[in-house]
């Protein structure tokens, strides 16, 4: 059973995708990640969206969190 659990974990981690996100400051307190041109594919991980973070006194307001949880996590980490 432990082997099955490890296999599942390795499969999930093996499917991770590095988006190479770089925030662009639009104005003070507003940063965006601009998507790639074209259709969403397996090669680009669906990175065809524009995601923006607006800083507030209590955290961030996110406009379009992206195509996957991994994208959202990597964008948040880049902020």
PDB file of N, CA and C in Angstrom:
ATOM      1  N   UNK A   1       0.816  -1.190   0.000  1.00  0.00           N
ATOM      2  CA  UNK A   1       0.000   0.000   0.000  1.00  0.00           C
ATOM      3  C   UNK A   1       0.866   1.263   0.000  1.00  0.00           C
ATOM      4  N   UNK A   2       1.979   1.239   0.736  1.00  0.00           N
ATOM      5  CA  UNK A   2       2.878   2.386   0.754  1.00  0.00           C
ATOM      6  C   UNK A   2       3.444   2.646  -0.634  1.00  0.00           C
ATOM      7  N   UNK A   3       3.707   1.569  -1.369  1.00  0.00           N
ATOM      8  CA  UNK A   3       4.241   1.721  -2.726  1.00  0.00           C
ATOM      9  C   UNK A   3       3.244   2.438  -3.625  1.00  0.00           C
ATOM     10  N   UNK A   4       1.970   2.115  -3.478  1.00  0.00           N
ATOM     11  CA  UNK A   4       0.936   2.766  -4.275  1.00  0.00           C
ATOM     12  C   UNK A   4       0.852   4.252  -3.926  1.00  0.00           C
ATOM     13  N   UNK A   5       0.941   4.557  -2.655  1.00  0.00           N
ATOM     14  CA  UNK A   5       0.919   5.955  -2.219  1.00  0.00           C
ATOM     15  C   UNK A   5       2.098   6.735  -2.774  1.00  0.00           C
ATOM     16  N   UNK A   6       3.281   6.137  -2.727  1.00  0.00           N
ATOM     17  CA  UNK A   6       4.471   6.790  -3.272  1.00  0.00           C
ATOM     18  C   UNK A   6       4.339   6.991  -4.776  1.00  0.00           C
ATOM     19  N   UNK A   7       3.800   6.002  -5.465  1.00  0.00           N
ATOM     20  CA  UNK A   7       3.608   6.108  -6.906  1.00  0.00           C
ATOM     21  C   UNK A   7       2.673   7.270  -7.237  1.00  0.00           C
ATOM     22  N   UNK A   8       1.610   7.409  -6.472  1.00  0.00           N
ATOM     23  CA  UNK A   8       0.669   8.515  -6.689  1.00  0.00           C
ATOM     24  C   UNK A   8       1.346   9.866  -6.457  1.00  0.00           C
ATOM     25  N   UNK A   9       2.106   9.981  -5.372  1.00  0.00           N
ATOM     26  CA  UNK A   9       2.805  11.232  -5.084  1.00  0.00           C
ATOM     27  C   UNK A   9       3.822  11.569  -6.160  1.00  0.00           C
ATOM     28  N   UNK A  10       4.588  10.593  -6.588  1.00  0.00           N
ATOM     29  CA  UNK A  10       5.585  10.834  -7.625  1.00  0.00           C
ATOM     30  C   UNK A  10       4.932  11.220  -8.943  1.00  0.00           C
ATOM     31  N   UNK A  11       3.795  10.640  -9.232  1.00  0.00           N
ATOM     32  CA  UNK A  11       3.076  10.989 -10.457  1.00  0.00           C
ATOM     33  C   UNK A  11       2.618  12.440 -10.414  1.00  0.00           C
ATOM     34  N   UNK A  12       2.065  12.859  -9.287  1.00  0.00           N
ATOM     35  CA  UNK A  12       1.599  14.239  -9.149  1.00  0.00           C
ATOM     36  C   UNK A  12       2.768  15.207  -9.252  1.00  0.00           C
ATOM     37  N   UNK A  13       3.860  14.938  -8.548  1.00  0.00           N
ATOM     38  CA  UNK A  13       5.014  15.827  -8.606  1.00  0.00           C
ATOM     39  C   UNK A  13       5.671  15.800  -9.974  1.00  0.00           C
ATOM     40  N   UNK A  14       5.636  14.673 -10.634  1.00  0.00           N
ATOM     41  CA  UNK A  14       6.212  14.569 -11.972  1.00  0.00           C
ATOM     42  C   UNK A  14       5.430  15.344 -13.005  1.00  0.00           C
ATOM     43  N   UNK A  15       4.162  15.634 -12.709  1.00  0.00           N
ATOM     44  CA  UNK A  15       3.320  16.361 -13.644  1.00  0.00           C
ATOM     45  C   UNK A  15       3.400  17.872 -13.434  1.00  0.00           C
ATOM     46  N   UNK A  16       4.246  18.311 -12.525  1.00  0.00           N
ATOM     47  CA  UNK A  16       4.342  19.741 -12.266  1.00  0.00           C
ATOM     48  C   UNK A  16       4.884  20.456 -13.502  1.00  0.00           C
ATOM     49  N   UNK A  17       4.523  21.701 -13.635  1.00  0.00           N
ATOM     50  CA  UNK A  17       4.878  22.489 -14.802  1.00  0.00           C
ATOM     51  C   UNK A  17       5.471  23.797 -14.327  1.00  0.00           C
ATOM     52  N   UNK A  18       6.613  24.159 -14.860  1.00  0.00           N
ATOM     53  CA  UNK A  18       7.258  25.424 -14.510  1.00  0.00           C
ATOM     54  C   UNK A  18       6.823  26.477 -15.516  1.00  0.00           C
ATOM     55  N   UNK A  19       6.161  27.521 -15.048  1.00  0.00           N
ATOM     56  CA  UNK A  19       5.616  28.554 -15.928  1.00  0.00           C
ATOM     57  C   UNK A  19       6.584  29.705 -16.212  1.00  0.00           C
ATOM     58  N   UNK A  20       7.651  29.852 -15.446  1.00  0.00           N
ATOM     59  CA  UNK A  20       8.622  30.939 -15.636  1.00  0.00           C
ATOM     60  C   UNK A  20       7.922  32.296 -15.664  1.00  0.00           C
ATOM     61  N   UNK A  21       7.171  32.573 -14.632  1.00  0.00           N
ATOM     62  CA  UNK A  21       6.397  33.806 -14.548  1.00  0.00           C
ATOM     63  C   UNK A  21       7.257  34.962 -14.069  1.00  0.00           C
ATOM     64  N   UNK A  22       7.082  36.098 -14.709  1.00  0.00           N
ATOM     65  CA  UNK A  22       7.785  37.308 -14.314  1.00  0.00           C
ATOM     66  C   UNK A  22       6.759  38.431 -14.195  1.00  0.00           C
ATOM     67  N   UNK A  23       6.609  38.997 -13.001  1.00  0.00           N
ATOM     68  CA  UNK A  23       5.606  40.055 -12.842  1.00  0.00           C
ATOM     69  C   UNK A  23       6.050  41.361 -13.506  1.00  0.00           C
ATOM     70  N   UNK A  24       5.093  42.050 -14.091  1.00  0.00           N
ATOM     71  CA  UNK A  24       5.322  43.372 -14.672  1.00  0.00           C
ATOM     72  C   UNK A  24       4.492  44.370 -13.876  1.00  0.00           C
ATOM     73  N   UNK A  25       5.137  45.428 -13.406  1.00  0.00           N
ATOM     74  CA  UNK A  25       4.432  46.440 -12.638  1.00  0.00           C
ATOM     75  C   UNK A  25       3.686  47.353 -13.601  1.00  0.00           C
ATOM     76  N   UNK A  26       2.374  47.405 -13.451  1.00  0.00           N
ATOM     77  CA  UNK A  26       1.536  48.259 -14.285  1.00  0.00           C
ATOM     78  C   UNK A  26       1.487  49.660 -13.683  1.00  0.00           C
ATOM     79  N   UNK A  27       1.303  49.716 -12.396  1.00  0.00           N
ATOM     80  CA  UNK A  27       1.328  50.947 -11.616  1.00  0.00           C
ATOM     81  C   UNK A  27       1.599  50.536 -10.173  1.00  0.00           C
ATOM     82  N   UNK A  28       1.787  51.478  -9.302  1.00  0.00           N
ATOM     83  CA  UNK A  28       2.086  51.141  -7.912  1.00  0.00           C
ATOM     84  C   UNK A  28       0.972  50.280  -7.320  1.00  0.00           C
ATOM     85  N   UNK A  29       1.337  49.103  -6.834  1.00  0.00           N
ATOM     86  CA  UNK A  29       0.385  48.197  -6.207  1.00  0.00           C
ATOM     87  C   UNK A  29      -0.351  47.279  -7.159  1.00  0.00           C
ATOM     88  N   UNK A  30      -0.050  47.370  -8.461  1.00  0.00           N
ATOM     89  CA  UNK A  30      -0.698  46.502  -9.448  1.00  0.00           C
ATOM     90  C   UNK A  30       0.377  45.829 -10.297  1.00  0.00           C
ATOM     91  N   UNK A  31       0.467  44.514 -10.171  1.00  0.00           N
ATOM     92  CA  UNK A  31       1.421  43.730 -10.946  1.00  0.00           C
ATOM     93  C   UNK A  31       0.670  42.682 -11.746  1.00  0.00           C
ATOM     94  N   UNK A  32       1.149  42.429 -12.976  1.00  0.00           N
ATOM     95  CA  UNK A  32       0.479  41.470 -13.853  1.00  0.00           C
ATOM     96  C   UNK A  32       1.470  40.479 -14.446  1.00  0.00           C
ATOM     97  N   UNK A  33       0.955  39.318 -14.763  1.00  0.00           N
ATOM     98  CA  UNK A  33       1.667  38.304 -15.526  1.00  0.00           C
ATOM     99  C   UNK A  33       0.914  38.189 -16.844  1.00  0.00           C
ATOM    100  N   UNK A  34       1.586  38.503 -17.950  1.00  0.00           N
ATOM    101  CA  UNK A  34       0.915  38.482 -19.241  1.00  0.00           C
ATOM    102  C   UNK A  34       1.099  37.135 -19.906  1.00  0.00           C
ATOM    103  N   UNK A  35       0.011  36.615 -20.450  1.00  0.00           N
ATOM    104  CA  UNK A  35       0.016  35.297 -21.070  1.00  0.00           C
ATOM    105  C   UNK A  35       0.698  35.285 -22.426  1.00  0.00           C
ATOM    106  N   UNK A  36       0.916  34.081 -22.912  1.00  0.00           N
ATOM    107  CA  UNK A  36       1.515  33.882 -24.224  1.00  0.00           C
ATOM    108  C   UNK A  36       0.439  34.010 -25.292  1.00  0.00           C
ATOM    109  N   UNK A  37       0.842  34.353 -26.491  1.00  0.00           N
ATOM    110  CA  UNK A  37      -0.107  34.421 -27.606  1.00  0.00           C
ATOM    111  C   UNK A  37      -0.372  33.018 -28.123  1.00  0.00           C
ATOM    112  N   UNK A  38      -1.587  32.753 -28.529  1.00  0.00           N
ATOM    113  CA  UNK A  38      -1.925  31.461 -29.100  1.00  0.00           C
ATOM    114  C   UNK A  38      -2.919  30.704 -28.244  1.00  0.00           C
ATOM    115  N   UNK A  39      -3.136  29.473 -28.633  1.00  0.00           N
ATOM    116  CA  UNK A  39      -4.076  28.603 -27.937  1.00  0.00           C
ATOM    117  C   UNK A  39      -3.401  27.898 -26.770  1.00  0.00           C
ATOM    118  N   UNK A  40      -4.197  27.496 -25.799  1.00  0.00           N
ATOM    119  CA  UNK A  40      -3.687  26.708 -24.677  1.00  0.00           C
ATOM    120  C   UNK A  40      -3.304  25.321 -25.184  1.00  0.00           C
ATOM    121  N   UNK A  41      -2.088  24.907 -24.876  1.00  0.00           N
ATOM    122  CA  UNK A  41      -1.599  23.592 -25.286  1.00  0.00           C
ATOM    123  C   UNK A  41      -0.894  22.929 -24.118  1.00  0.00           C
ATOM    124  N   UNK A  42      -0.556  21.672 -24.291  1.00  0.00           N
ATOM    125  CA  UNK A  42       0.204  20.952 -23.269  1.00  0.00           C
ATOM    126  C   UNK A  42       1.592  21.573 -23.111  1.00  0.00           C
ATOM    127  N   UNK A  43       2.168  22.059 -24.206  1.00  0.00           N
ATOM    128  CA  UNK A  43       3.514  22.630 -24.163  1.00  0.00           C
ATOM    129  C   UNK A  43       3.584  23.940 -23.385  1.00  0.00           C
ATOM    130  N   UNK A  44       2.537  24.773 -23.476  1.00  0.00           N
ATOM    131  CA  UNK A  44       2.583  26.045 -22.754  1.00  0.00           C
ATOM    132  C   UNK A  44       1.824  25.997 -21.429  1.00  0.00           C
ATOM    133  N   UNK A  45       1.281  24.841 -21.090  1.00  0.00           N
ATOM    134  CA  UNK A  45       0.599  24.670 -19.810  1.00  0.00           C
ATOM    135  C   UNK A  45      -0.647  25.527 -19.651  1.00  0.00           C
ATOM    136  N   UNK A  46      -1.193  26.004 -20.758  1.00  0.00           N
ATOM    137  CA  UNK A  46      -2.381  26.846 -20.680  1.00  0.00           C
ATOM    138  C   UNK A  46      -2.091  28.285 -20.305  1.00  0.00           C
ATOM    139  N   UNK A  47      -0.833  28.686 -20.414  1.00  0.00           N
ATOM    140  CA  UNK A  47      -0.447  30.046 -20.013  1.00  0.00           C
ATOM    141  C   UNK A  47      -0.804  31.051 -21.114  1.00  0.00           C
ATOM    142  N   UNK A  48      -2.071  31.257 -21.304  1.00  0.00           N
ATOM    143  CA  UNK A  48      -2.540  32.223 -22.296  1.00  0.00           C
ATOM    144  C   UNK A  48      -3.456  33.263 -21.636  1.00  0.00           C
ATOM    145  N   UNK A  49      -3.390  33.349 -20.331  1.00  0.00           N
ATOM    146  CA  UNK A  49      -4.226  34.283 -19.576  1.00  0.00           C
ATOM    147  C   UNK A  49      -3.380  35.445 -19.065  1.00  0.00           C
ATOM    148  N   UNK A  50      -4.028  36.544 -18.790  1.00  0.00           N
ATOM    149  CA  UNK A  50      -3.379  37.670 -18.132  1.00  0.00           C
ATOM    150  C   UNK A  50      -3.870  37.679 -16.689  1.00  0.00           C
ATOM    151  N   UNK A  51      -2.941  37.593 -15.766  1.00  0.00           N
ATOM    152  CA  UNK A  51      -3.258  37.522 -14.348  1.00  0.00           C
ATOM    153  C   UNK A  51      -2.716  38.766 -13.664  1.00  0.00           C
ATOM    154  N   UNK A  52      -3.538  39.415 -12.860  1.00  0.00           N
ATOM    155  CA  UNK A  52      -3.086  40.612 -12.158  1.00  0.00           C
ATOM    156  C   UNK A  52      -3.323  40.482 -10.658  1.00  0.00           C
ATOM    157  N   UNK A  53      -2.419  41.076  -9.912  1.00  0.00           N
ATOM    158  CA  UNK A  53      -2.501  41.131  -8.455  1.00  0.00           C
ATOM    159  C   UNK A  53      -2.566  42.600  -8.056  1.00  0.00           C
ATOM    160  N   UNK A  54      -3.610  42.953  -7.337  1.00  0.00           N
ATOM    161  CA  UNK A  54      -3.772  44.313  -6.837  1.00  0.00           C
ATOM    162  C   UNK A  54      -3.530  44.254  -5.332  1.00  0.00           C
ATOM    163  N   UNK A  55      -2.524  44.973  -4.887  1.00  0.00           N
ATOM    164  CA  UNK A  55      -2.167  44.947  -3.466  1.00  0.00           C
ATOM    165  C   UNK A  55      -3.122  45.833  -2.668  1.00  0.00           C
ATOM    166  N   UNK A  56      -3.618  45.285  -1.572  1.00  0.00           N
ATOM    167  CA  UNK A  56      -4.480  46.053  -0.668  1.00  0.00           C
ATOM    168  C   UNK A  56      -3.873  45.999   0.730  1.00  0.00           C
ATOM    169  N   UNK A  57      -4.488  46.678   1.651  1.00  0.00           N
ATOM    170  CA  UNK A  57      -3.964  46.691   3.020  1.00  0.00           C
ATOM    171  C   UNK A  57      -4.084  45.332   3.698  1.00  0.00           C
ATOM    172  N   UNK A  58      -4.949  44.458   3.170  1.00  0.00           N
ATOM    173  CA  UNK A  58      -5.158  43.147   3.781  1.00  0.00           C
ATOM    174  C   UNK A  58      -4.609  41.993   2.954  1.00  0.00           C
ATOM    175  N   UNK A  59      -3.911  42.279   1.882  1.00  0.00           N
ATOM    176  CA  UNK A  59      -3.369  41.217   1.032  1.00  0.00           C
ATOM    177  C   UNK A  59      -3.512  41.588  -0.428  1.00  0.00           C
ATOM    178  N   UNK A  60      -3.778  40.588  -1.258  1.00  0.00           N
ATOM    179  CA  UNK A  60      -3.907  40.808  -2.697  1.00  0.00           C
ATOM    180  C   UNK A  60      -5.320  40.498  -3.173  1.00  0.00           C
ATOM    181  N   UNK A  61      -5.771  41.277  -4.144  1.00  0.00           N
ATOM    182  CA  UNK A  61      -6.974  40.953  -4.896  1.00  0.00           C
ATOM    183  C   UNK A  61      -6.468  40.381  -6.209  1.00  0.00           C
ATOM    184  N   UNK A  62      -6.877  39.162  -6.531  1.00  0.00           N
ATOM    185  CA  UNK A  62      -6.380  38.478  -7.723  1.00  0.00           C
ATOM    186  C   UNK A  62      -7.419  38.569  -8.828  1.00  0.00           C
ATOM    187  N   UNK A  63      -6.970  39.005  -9.999  1.00  0.00           N
ATOM    188  CA  UNK A  63      -7.835  39.062 -11.172  1.00  0.00           C
ATOM    189  C   UNK A  63      -7.370  37.960 -12.108  1.00  0.00           C
ATOM    190  N   UNK A  64      -8.167  36.928 -12.251  1.00  0.00           N
ATOM    191  CA  UNK A  64      -7.891  35.721 -13.036  1.00  0.00           C
ATOM    192  C   UNK A  64      -6.692  34.971 -12.458  1.00  0.00           C
ATOM    193  N   UNK A  65      -6.962  33.995 -11.638  1.00  0.00           N
ATOM    194  CA  UNK A  65      -5.904  33.263 -10.934  1.00  0.00           C
ATOM    195  C   UNK A  65      -5.107  32.318 -11.825  1.00  0.00           C
ATOM    196  N   UNK A  66      -5.516  32.143 -13.080  1.00  0.00           N
ATOM    197  CA  UNK A  66      -4.746  31.317 -14.006  1.00  0.00           C
ATOM    198  C   UNK A  66      -5.380  29.972 -14.289  1.00  0.00           C
ATOM    199  N   UNK A  67      -4.736  29.190 -15.166  1.00  0.00           N
ATOM    200  CA  UNK A  67      -5.325  27.938 -15.639  1.00  0.00           C
ATOM    201  C   UNK A  67      -5.219  26.763 -14.674  1.00  0.00           C
ATOM    202  N   UNK A  68      -4.266  26.801 -13.744  1.00  0.00           N
ATOM    203  CA  UNK A  68      -4.059  25.669 -12.842  1.00  0.00           C
ATOM    204  C   UNK A  68      -3.684  26.168 -11.449  1.00  0.00           C
ATOM    205  N   UNK A  69      -3.784  25.261 -10.492  1.00  0.00           N
ATOM    206  CA  UNK A  69      -3.339  25.586  -9.133  1.00  0.00           C
ATOM    207  C   UNK A  69      -1.844  25.895  -9.134  1.00  0.00           C
ATOM    208  N   UNK A  70      -1.071  25.134  -9.908  1.00  0.00           N
ATOM    209  CA  UNK A  70       0.376  25.357  -9.969  1.00  0.00           C
ATOM    210  C   UNK A  70       0.697  26.755 -10.489  1.00  0.00           C
ATOM    211  N   UNK A  71      -0.041  27.207 -11.498  1.00  0.00           N
ATOM    212  CA  UNK A  71       0.151  28.553 -12.033  1.00  0.00           C
ATOM    213  C   UNK A  71      -0.102  29.581 -10.933  1.00  0.00           C
ATOM    214  N   UNK A  72      -1.230  29.439 -10.240  1.00  0.00           N
ATOM    215  CA  UNK A  72      -1.581  30.379  -9.178  1.00  0.00           C
ATOM    216  C   UNK A  72      -0.523  30.381  -8.080  1.00  0.00           C
ATOM    217  N   UNK A  73      -0.028  29.213  -7.705  1.00  0.00           N
ATOM    218  CA  UNK A  73       0.994  29.118  -6.659  1.00  0.00           C
ATOM    219  C   UNK A  73       2.299  29.769  -7.108  1.00  0.00           C
ATOM    220  N   UNK A  74       2.709  29.521  -8.347  1.00  0.00           N
ATOM    221  CA  UNK A  74       3.944  30.109  -8.859  1.00  0.00           C
ATOM    222  C   UNK A  74       3.820  31.626  -9.006  1.00  0.00           C
ATOM    223  N   UNK A  75       2.652  32.104  -9.412  1.00  0.00           N
ATOM    224  CA  UNK A  75       2.427  33.549  -9.513  1.00  0.00           C
ATOM    225  C   UNK A  75       2.477  34.181  -8.126  1.00  0.00           C
ATOM    226  N   UNK A  76       1.830  33.562  -7.169  1.00  0.00           N
ATOM    227  CA  UNK A  76       1.839  34.086  -5.801  1.00  0.00           C
ATOM    228  C   UNK A  76       3.264  34.111  -5.252  1.00  0.00           C
ATOM    229  N   UNK A  77       4.017  33.051  -5.492  1.00  0.00           N
ATOM    230  CA  UNK A  77       5.404  32.996  -5.025  1.00  0.00           C
ATOM    231  C   UNK A  77       6.255  34.084  -5.680  1.00  0.00           C
ATOM    232  N   UNK A  78       5.986  34.386  -6.947  1.00  0.00           N
ATOM    233  CA  UNK A  78       6.749  35.409  -7.660  1.00  0.00           C
ATOM    234  C   UNK A  78       6.437  36.812  -7.144  1.00  0.00           C
ATOM    235  N   UNK A  79       5.251  36.976  -6.574  1.00  0.00           N
ATOM    236  CA  UNK A  79       4.875  38.282  -6.037  1.00  0.00           C
ATOM    237  C   UNK A  79       5.662  38.547  -4.766  1.00  0.00           C
TER     238      UNK A  79
END
